[in-house]
Amino acid sequence: MAGIRQDYILRQLDLLRQFIARLASRRNERELEEALLLSFHLQEKLFPLPPTEFLRLDLADQIAALSRNETPAVAREKCLAYASLLAETATLYDHKARGDLADGARQMALYAALHATLDTRDDSAAVGLIEQLTGQLDPETLHAPVAALLAEYRNGG
């Protein structure tokens, strides 16, 4: 059952990416809102908690909630899916001229991606996502938990 839900989330994440690519050429406010709703819907599907609960959690607790009762491999996949989803959501916020929300989503995405890759660096897509996100964020503005995890990652985990 968990594998089916994970496949659904990954397919929907691809759909969200296509949606964002279309939005890049034309800024349609209604379509932006639809894409954001899809993003929020996917977050609800990914987490084993109601949105009102997981949105109140700090980053470490969100990752713990994602990983709870999962094998290490599935927990890693869920963290990377969450990181990708947050990175795409940040792009949507950029299209809405909400740089503050975009940066917040990127920091959360970076934290999730770093958490998933501390033990293994063999996933080129995950490493690429980390490089993309660090390139989009000002290191001086990173929140302490994100900066600490990034330093740990750069020091070899």
N, C-alpha and C. Protein backbone atom coordinates (compact mmCIF):
# COMPACT_ATOMS: atom_id res chain seq x y z
N MET A 1 0.82 -1.20 0.00
CA MET A 1 0.00 0.00 0.00
C MET A 1 0.86 1.26 0.00
N ALA A 2 1.90 1.28 0.83
CA ALA A 2 2.76 2.46 0.89
C ALA A 2 3.46 2.70 -0.44
N GLY A 3 3.85 1.62 -1.14
CA GLY A 3 4.50 1.75 -2.44
C GLY A 3 3.57 2.35 -3.47
N ILE A 4 2.31 1.97 -3.43
CA ILE A 4 1.32 2.52 -4.36
C ILE A 4 1.14 4.01 -4.11
N ARG A 5 1.04 4.40 -2.85
CA ARG A 5 0.88 5.82 -2.52
C ARG A 5 2.12 6.60 -2.94
N GLN A 6 3.30 6.02 -2.73
CA GLN A 6 4.54 6.69 -3.12
C GLN A 6 4.60 6.88 -4.64
N ASP A 7 4.19 5.85 -5.41
CA ASP A 7 4.16 5.97 -6.87
C ASP A 7 3.19 7.06 -7.29
N TYR A 8 2.04 7.13 -6.65
CA TYR A 8 1.06 8.16 -6.95
C TYR A 8 1.65 9.54 -6.70
N ILE A 9 2.32 9.71 -5.59
CA ILE A 9 2.92 11.01 -5.25
C ILE A 9 3.98 11.38 -6.28
N LEU A 10 4.81 10.44 -6.67
CA LEU A 10 5.85 10.74 -7.66
C LEU A 10 5.24 11.10 -9.01
N ARG A 11 4.18 10.41 -9.42
CA ARG A 11 3.50 10.76 -10.68
C ARG A 11 2.90 12.15 -10.60
N GLN A 12 2.29 12.45 -9.46
CA GLN A 12 1.69 13.77 -9.29
C GLN A 12 2.75 14.86 -9.22
N LEU A 13 3.90 14.54 -8.66
CA LEU A 13 5.01 15.49 -8.61
C LEU A 13 5.49 15.80 -10.03
N ASP A 14 5.55 14.79 -10.89
CA ASP A 14 5.90 15.03 -12.29
C ASP A 14 4.85 15.92 -12.96
N LEU A 15 3.59 15.68 -12.65
CA LEU A 15 2.52 16.52 -13.18
C LEU A 15 2.68 17.97 -12.71
N LEU A 16 3.03 18.14 -11.45
CA LEU A 16 3.26 19.49 -10.92
C LEU A 16 4.41 20.16 -11.65
N ARG A 17 5.47 19.43 -11.94
CA ARG A 17 6.61 20.00 -12.67
C ARG A 17 6.18 20.47 -14.06
N GLN A 18 5.35 19.66 -14.73
CA GLN A 18 4.85 20.05 -16.05
C GLN A 18 3.99 21.30 -15.95
N PHE A 19 3.18 21.35 -14.93
CA PHE A 19 2.31 22.50 -14.68
C PHE A 19 3.16 23.76 -14.49
N ILE A 20 4.21 23.65 -13.72
CA ILE A 20 5.09 24.79 -13.45
C ILE A 20 5.81 25.23 -14.72
N ALA A 21 6.24 24.27 -15.53
CA ALA A 21 6.91 24.62 -16.79
C ALA A 21 5.97 25.42 -17.69
N ARG A 22 4.70 25.04 -17.74
CA ARG A 22 3.72 25.81 -18.52
C ARG A 22 3.53 27.20 -17.94
N LEU A 23 3.51 27.28 -16.62
CA LEU A 23 3.29 28.57 -15.96
C LEU A 23 4.47 29.53 -16.16
N ALA A 24 5.65 28.98 -16.41
CA ALA A 24 6.82 29.84 -16.58
C ALA A 24 6.66 30.75 -17.79
N SER A 25 5.95 30.29 -18.80
CA SER A 25 5.79 31.11 -20.01
C SER A 25 4.60 32.06 -19.92
N ARG A 26 3.65 31.76 -19.09
CA ARG A 26 2.50 32.66 -18.93
C ARG A 26 2.07 32.67 -17.47
N ARG A 27 1.95 33.82 -16.93
CA ARG A 27 1.62 33.98 -15.51
C ARG A 27 0.11 34.09 -15.35
N ASN A 28 -0.53 32.97 -15.22
CA ASN A 28 -1.97 32.93 -15.03
C ASN A 28 -2.24 32.69 -13.54
N GLU A 29 -2.83 33.67 -12.89
CA GLU A 29 -3.03 33.59 -11.43
C GLU A 29 -3.88 32.38 -11.03
N ARG A 30 -4.92 32.09 -11.79
CA ARG A 30 -5.78 30.95 -11.47
C ARG A 30 -4.99 29.64 -11.55
N GLU A 31 -4.18 29.50 -12.59
CA GLU A 31 -3.38 28.28 -12.73
C GLU A 31 -2.31 28.19 -11.64
N LEU A 32 -1.75 29.33 -11.25
CA LEU A 32 -0.80 29.32 -10.14
C LEU A 32 -1.46 28.81 -8.87
N GLU A 33 -2.66 29.27 -8.60
CA GLU A 33 -3.39 28.81 -7.41
C GLU A 33 -3.69 27.32 -7.50
N GLU A 34 -4.06 26.84 -8.69
CA GLU A 34 -4.33 25.41 -8.86
C GLU A 34 -3.07 24.59 -8.60
N ALA A 35 -1.94 25.08 -9.10
CA ALA A 35 -0.68 24.36 -8.88
C ALA A 35 -0.31 24.34 -7.40
N LEU A 36 -0.53 25.45 -6.71
CA LEU A 36 -0.26 25.48 -5.26
C LEU A 36 -1.18 24.51 -4.52
N LEU A 37 -2.44 24.45 -4.93
CA LEU A 37 -3.36 23.50 -4.30
C LEU A 37 -2.90 22.07 -4.52
N LEU A 38 -2.42 21.77 -5.72
CA LEU A 38 -1.89 20.43 -5.99
C LEU A 38 -0.69 20.16 -5.09
N SER A 39 0.17 21.14 -4.93
CA SER A 39 1.34 20.98 -4.06
C SER A 39 0.91 20.67 -2.62
N PHE A 40 -0.05 21.42 -2.12
CA PHE A 40 -0.53 21.19 -0.75
C PHE A 40 -1.21 19.82 -0.63
N HIS A 41 -1.95 19.43 -1.66
CA HIS A 41 -2.60 18.12 -1.68
C HIS A 41 -1.54 17.00 -1.60
N LEU A 42 -0.46 17.16 -2.35
CA LEU A 42 0.59 16.15 -2.33
C LEU A 42 1.29 16.09 -0.97
N GLN A 43 1.44 17.24 -0.31
CA GLN A 43 2.00 17.22 1.04
C GLN A 43 1.09 16.44 1.98
N GLU A 44 -0.21 16.62 1.83
CA GLU A 44 -1.16 15.88 2.67
C GLU A 44 -1.04 14.39 2.43
N LYS A 45 -0.84 13.98 1.18
CA LYS A 45 -0.73 12.56 0.86
C LYS A 45 0.58 11.97 1.36
N LEU A 46 1.61 12.78 1.37
CA LEU A 46 2.93 12.29 1.76
C LEU A 46 3.05 12.07 3.26
N PHE A 47 2.41 12.93 4.04
CA PHE A 47 2.51 12.85 5.50
C PHE A 47 1.43 11.95 6.08
N PRO A 48 1.79 11.21 7.13
CA PRO A 48 0.80 10.37 7.80
C PRO A 48 0.00 11.14 8.85
N LEU A 49 0.02 12.47 8.75
CA LEU A 49 -0.67 13.33 9.73
C LEU A 49 -1.59 14.30 9.00
N PRO A 50 -2.61 14.79 9.68
CA PRO A 50 -3.43 15.85 9.08
C PRO A 50 -2.58 17.11 8.86
N PRO A 51 -2.89 17.90 7.82
CA PRO A 51 -2.10 19.09 7.53
C PRO A 51 -1.99 20.06 8.70
N THR A 52 -3.04 20.18 9.48
CA THR A 52 -2.99 21.10 10.62
C THR A 52 -1.93 20.69 11.62
N GLU A 53 -1.62 19.40 11.66
CA GLU A 53 -0.58 18.92 12.58
C GLU A 53 0.82 19.04 11.99
N PHE A 54 1.00 18.56 10.73
CA PHE A 54 2.37 18.57 10.21
C PHE A 54 2.87 19.97 9.91
N LEU A 55 1.97 20.91 9.62
CA LEU A 55 2.41 22.28 9.36
C LEU A 55 2.92 22.98 10.61
N ARG A 56 2.55 22.48 11.77
CA ARG A 56 3.02 23.06 13.03
C ARG A 56 4.36 22.49 13.48
N LEU A 57 4.79 21.42 12.85
CA LEU A 57 6.04 20.76 13.27
C LEU A 57 7.25 21.52 12.75
N ASP A 58 8.35 21.49 13.52
CA ASP A 58 9.60 22.04 12.99
C ASP A 58 10.18 21.04 11.99
N LEU A 59 11.26 21.43 11.33
CA LEU A 59 11.82 20.60 10.26
C LEU A 59 12.19 19.20 10.72
N ALA A 60 12.88 19.10 11.83
CA ALA A 60 13.31 17.79 12.32
C ALA A 60 12.12 16.89 12.62
N ASP A 61 11.07 17.47 13.20
CA ASP A 61 9.88 16.68 13.52
C ASP A 61 9.11 16.29 12.26
N GLN A 62 9.14 17.14 11.23
CA GLN A 62 8.51 16.77 9.96
C GLN A 62 9.22 15.56 9.35
N ILE A 63 10.54 15.59 9.36
CA ILE A 63 11.31 14.46 8.83
C ILE A 63 11.05 13.20 9.65
N ALA A 64 10.98 13.35 10.96
CA ALA A 64 10.68 12.19 11.83
C ALA A 64 9.29 11.63 11.51
N ALA A 65 8.32 12.52 11.28
CA ALA A 65 6.97 12.06 10.95
C ALA A 65 6.95 11.34 9.60
N LEU A 66 7.70 11.86 8.64
CA LEU A 66 7.78 11.20 7.33
C LEU A 66 8.39 9.81 7.44
N SER A 67 9.36 9.67 8.31
CA SER A 67 10.14 8.43 8.41
C SER A 67 9.55 7.40 9.35
N ARG A 68 8.62 7.82 10.20
CA ARG A 68 8.06 6.94 11.22
C ARG A 68 7.46 5.68 10.58
N ASN A 69 7.82 4.54 11.13
CA ASN A 69 7.30 3.23 10.71
C ASN A 69 7.67 2.87 9.28
N GLU A 70 8.73 3.46 8.75
CA GLU A 70 9.18 3.16 7.39
C GLU A 70 10.55 2.50 7.44
N THR A 71 10.85 1.70 6.43
CA THR A 71 12.21 1.18 6.31
C THR A 71 13.12 2.35 5.97
N PRO A 72 14.42 2.23 6.21
CA PRO A 72 15.33 3.33 5.85
C PRO A 72 15.22 3.74 4.38
N ALA A 73 15.08 2.77 3.48
CA ALA A 73 14.99 3.09 2.05
C ALA A 73 13.72 3.87 1.73
N VAL A 74 12.60 3.45 2.29
CA VAL A 74 11.34 4.15 2.04
C VAL A 74 11.36 5.53 2.69
N ALA A 75 11.91 5.62 3.89
CA ALA A 75 12.01 6.92 4.56
C ALA A 75 12.85 7.89 3.73
N ARG A 76 13.94 7.39 3.17
CA ARG A 76 14.80 8.23 2.32
C ARG A 76 14.03 8.70 1.09
N GLU A 77 13.31 7.79 0.44
CA GLU A 77 12.51 8.16 -0.74
C GLU A 77 11.47 9.22 -0.39
N LYS A 78 10.82 9.06 0.75
CA LYS A 78 9.81 10.03 1.16
C LYS A 78 10.44 11.39 1.43
N CYS A 79 11.60 11.40 2.06
CA CYS A 79 12.29 12.68 2.33
C CYS A 79 12.68 13.36 1.02
N LEU A 80 13.17 12.58 0.06
CA LEU A 80 13.55 13.16 -1.22
C LEU A 80 12.33 13.63 -2.01
N ALA A 81 11.23 12.89 -1.92
CA ALA A 81 10.00 13.34 -2.58
C ALA A 81 9.52 14.65 -1.95
N TYR A 82 9.60 14.74 -0.64
CA TYR A 82 9.20 15.97 0.06
C TYR A 82 10.12 17.13 -0.35
N ALA A 83 11.41 16.87 -0.43
CA ALA A 83 12.36 17.91 -0.85
C ALA A 83 12.04 18.39 -2.26
N SER A 84 11.78 17.47 -3.16
CA SER A 84 11.44 17.85 -4.54
C SER A 84 10.14 18.64 -4.59
N LEU A 85 9.17 18.20 -3.82
CA LEU A 85 7.88 18.89 -3.78
C LEU A 85 8.06 20.32 -3.25
N LEU A 86 8.83 20.47 -2.20
CA LEU A 86 9.07 21.81 -1.65
C LEU A 86 9.84 22.70 -2.63
N ALA A 87 10.79 22.12 -3.35
CA ALA A 87 11.55 22.90 -4.34
C ALA A 87 10.61 23.40 -5.45
N GLU A 88 9.70 22.54 -5.89
CA GLU A 88 8.73 22.96 -6.91
C GLU A 88 7.77 24.01 -6.35
N THR A 89 7.38 23.84 -5.11
CA THR A 89 6.50 24.82 -4.46
C THR A 89 7.20 26.18 -4.38
N ALA A 90 8.50 26.17 -4.12
CA ALA A 90 9.26 27.42 -4.08
C ALA A 90 9.20 28.13 -5.43
N THR A 91 9.28 27.37 -6.51
CA THR A 91 9.17 27.96 -7.85
C THR A 91 7.81 28.62 -8.04
N LEU A 92 6.77 27.97 -7.55
CA LEU A 92 5.43 28.57 -7.64
C LEU A 92 5.38 29.88 -6.87
N TYR A 93 5.96 29.90 -5.68
CA TYR A 93 5.99 31.13 -4.90
C TYR A 93 6.78 32.22 -5.62
N ASP A 94 7.85 31.84 -6.31
CA ASP A 94 8.59 32.82 -7.11
C ASP A 94 7.68 33.43 -8.18
N HIS A 95 6.90 32.59 -8.85
CA HIS A 95 5.98 33.08 -9.88
C HIS A 95 4.92 34.02 -9.30
N LYS A 96 4.61 33.84 -8.04
CA LYS A 96 3.64 34.72 -7.37
C LYS A 96 4.32 35.94 -6.74
N ALA A 97 5.62 36.09 -6.99
CA ALA A 97 6.40 37.20 -6.42
C ALA A 97 6.38 37.17 -4.89
N ARG A 98 6.47 35.96 -4.34
CA ARG A 98 6.54 35.78 -2.89
C ARG A 98 7.89 35.15 -2.54
N GLY A 99 8.93 35.95 -2.69
CA GLY A 99 10.28 35.48 -2.43
C GLY A 99 10.49 34.97 -1.03
N ASP A 100 9.79 35.56 -0.06
CA ASP A 100 9.92 35.11 1.33
C ASP A 100 9.45 33.67 1.49
N LEU A 101 8.30 33.36 0.90
CA LEU A 101 7.77 32.00 0.98
C LEU A 101 8.63 31.04 0.15
N ALA A 102 9.12 31.52 -0.99
CA ALA A 102 9.98 30.69 -1.84
C ALA A 102 11.25 30.30 -1.09
N ASP A 103 11.88 31.27 -0.42
CA ASP A 103 13.10 30.97 0.33
C ASP A 103 12.82 30.00 1.48
N GLY A 104 11.70 30.18 2.15
CA GLY A 104 11.34 29.26 3.23
C GLY A 104 11.14 27.84 2.73
N ALA A 105 10.45 27.71 1.60
CA ALA A 105 10.23 26.38 1.01
C ALA A 105 11.56 25.77 0.57
N ARG A 106 12.44 26.59 0.03
CA ARG A 106 13.75 26.07 -0.40
C ARG A 106 14.58 25.61 0.80
N GLN A 107 14.53 26.35 1.89
CA GLN A 107 15.28 25.92 3.07
C GLN A 107 14.74 24.60 3.61
N MET A 108 13.42 24.47 3.61
CA MET A 108 12.83 23.20 4.06
C MET A 108 13.22 22.08 3.11
N ALA A 109 13.21 22.36 1.81
CA ALA A 109 13.60 21.36 0.81
C ALA A 109 15.05 20.94 1.00
N LEU A 110 15.91 21.92 1.23
CA LEU A 110 17.33 21.63 1.44
C LEU A 110 17.52 20.76 2.67
N TYR A 111 16.83 21.08 3.74
CA TYR A 111 16.94 20.29 4.97
C TYR A 111 16.52 18.84 4.70
N ALA A 112 15.39 18.65 4.02
CA ALA A 112 14.90 17.29 3.75
C ALA A 112 15.87 16.53 2.84
N ALA A 113 16.39 17.20 1.81
CA ALA A 113 17.33 16.55 0.90
C ALA A 113 18.64 16.20 1.61
N LEU A 114 19.13 17.11 2.43
CA LEU A 114 20.36 16.84 3.19
C LEU A 114 20.16 15.67 4.14
N HIS A 115 19.05 15.66 4.82
CA HIS A 115 18.76 14.57 5.77
C HIS A 115 18.77 13.22 5.04
N ALA A 116 18.22 13.20 3.85
CA ALA A 116 18.12 11.95 3.09
C ALA A 116 19.46 11.49 2.54
N THR A 117 20.41 12.40 2.38
CA THR A 117 21.67 12.03 1.73
C THR A 117 22.87 11.97 2.67
N LEU A 118 22.68 12.22 3.95
CA LEU A 118 23.83 12.19 4.86
C LEU A 118 24.52 10.83 4.89
N ASP A 119 23.75 9.77 4.81
CA ASP A 119 24.33 8.43 4.90
C ASP A 119 24.83 7.90 3.57
N THR A 120 24.33 8.44 2.48
CA THR A 120 24.73 7.95 1.16
C THR A 120 24.75 9.11 0.17
N ARG A 121 25.78 9.14 -0.63
CA ARG A 121 25.93 10.22 -1.61
C ARG A 121 25.84 9.67 -3.03
N ASP A 122 25.27 8.47 -3.20
CA ASP A 122 25.28 7.83 -4.50
C ASP A 122 24.08 8.20 -5.38
N ASP A 123 23.20 9.04 -4.90
CA ASP A 123 22.02 9.44 -5.67
C ASP A 123 22.31 10.78 -6.33
N SER A 124 22.63 10.73 -7.63
CA SER A 124 23.03 11.96 -8.33
C SER A 124 21.89 12.98 -8.39
N ALA A 125 20.65 12.51 -8.46
CA ALA A 125 19.52 13.44 -8.49
C ALA A 125 19.41 14.19 -7.16
N ALA A 126 19.61 13.48 -6.06
CA ALA A 126 19.54 14.12 -4.74
C ALA A 126 20.67 15.12 -4.56
N VAL A 127 21.87 14.73 -4.96
CA VAL A 127 23.02 15.63 -4.87
C VAL A 127 22.79 16.85 -5.76
N GLY A 128 22.22 16.62 -6.95
CA GLY A 128 21.91 17.74 -7.84
C GLY A 128 20.89 18.69 -7.24
N LEU A 129 19.90 18.14 -6.55
CA LEU A 129 18.89 18.98 -5.89
C LEU A 129 19.54 19.82 -4.79
N ILE A 130 20.43 19.21 -4.03
CA ILE A 130 21.14 19.95 -2.97
C ILE A 130 21.95 21.09 -3.58
N GLU A 131 22.66 20.81 -4.66
CA GLU A 131 23.46 21.85 -5.32
C GLU A 131 22.57 22.96 -5.86
N GLN A 132 21.45 22.59 -6.46
CA GLN A 132 20.51 23.58 -6.98
C GLN A 132 20.00 24.48 -5.86
N LEU A 133 19.57 23.87 -4.77
CA LEU A 133 19.00 24.63 -3.66
C LEU A 133 20.04 25.53 -2.99
N THR A 134 21.25 25.01 -2.79
CA THR A 134 22.28 25.85 -2.16
C THR A 134 22.65 27.01 -3.06
N GLY A 135 22.55 26.82 -4.37
CA GLY A 135 22.82 27.91 -5.30
C GLY A 135 21.74 28.98 -5.30
N GLN A 136 20.53 28.61 -4.89
CA GLN A 136 19.41 29.55 -4.88
C GLN A 136 19.25 30.27 -3.55
N LEU A 137 19.95 29.81 -2.54
CA LEU A 137 19.80 30.39 -1.20
C LEU A 137 21.04 31.16 -0.79
N ASP A 138 20.84 32.24 -0.08
CA ASP A 138 21.94 33.01 0.49
C ASP A 138 22.39 32.29 1.76
N PRO A 139 23.65 31.84 1.81
CA PRO A 139 24.12 31.09 2.99
C PRO A 139 23.97 31.87 4.30
N GLU A 140 24.01 33.18 4.21
CA GLU A 140 23.90 34.01 5.41
C GLU A 140 22.49 33.99 6.01
N THR A 141 21.50 33.60 5.21
CA THR A 141 20.12 33.63 5.70
C THR A 141 19.59 32.25 6.09
N LEU A 142 20.45 31.23 6.02
CA LEU A 142 20.00 29.89 6.37
C LEU A 142 19.65 29.82 7.86
N HIS A 143 18.54 29.16 8.15
CA HIS A 143 18.17 28.93 9.54
C HIS A 143 19.19 27.97 10.17
N ALA A 144 19.39 28.09 11.46
CA ALA A 144 20.43 27.33 12.15
C ALA A 144 20.38 25.82 11.88
N PRO A 145 19.20 25.17 11.94
CA PRO A 145 19.20 23.72 11.70
C PRO A 145 19.62 23.37 10.26
N VAL A 146 19.24 24.21 9.31
CA VAL A 146 19.61 23.96 7.91
C VAL A 146 21.11 24.18 7.73
N ALA A 147 21.63 25.27 8.28
CA ALA A 147 23.06 25.56 8.19
C ALA A 147 23.89 24.45 8.84
N ALA A 148 23.44 23.95 9.99
CA ALA A 148 24.17 22.89 10.69
C ALA A 148 24.19 21.60 9.87
N LEU A 149 23.06 21.25 9.29
CA LEU A 149 22.99 20.03 8.49
C LEU A 149 23.82 20.18 7.21
N LEU A 150 23.81 21.36 6.61
CA LEU A 150 24.63 21.61 5.43
C LEU A 150 26.11 21.50 5.77
N ALA A 151 26.52 22.04 6.90
CA ALA A 151 27.92 21.93 7.33
C ALA A 151 28.30 20.47 7.55
N GLU A 152 27.41 19.72 8.17
CA GLU A 152 27.67 18.29 8.40
C GLU A 152 27.81 17.55 7.07
N TYR A 153 26.94 17.87 6.12
CA TYR A 153 26.98 17.26 4.79
C TYR A 153 28.31 17.59 4.09
N ARG A 154 28.70 18.85 4.15
CA ARG A 154 29.93 19.28 3.47
C ARG A 154 31.18 18.70 4.14
N ASN A 155 31.08 18.37 5.41
CA ASN A 155 32.21 17.77 6.13
C ASN A 155 32.22 16.25 6.02
N GLY A 156 31.38 15.71 5.17
CA GLY A 156 31.39 14.28 4.94
C GLY A 156 30.43 13.48 5.78
N GLY A 157 29.50 14.17 6.44
CA GLY A 157 28.43 13.51 7.14
C GLY A 157 28.74 12.98 8.47
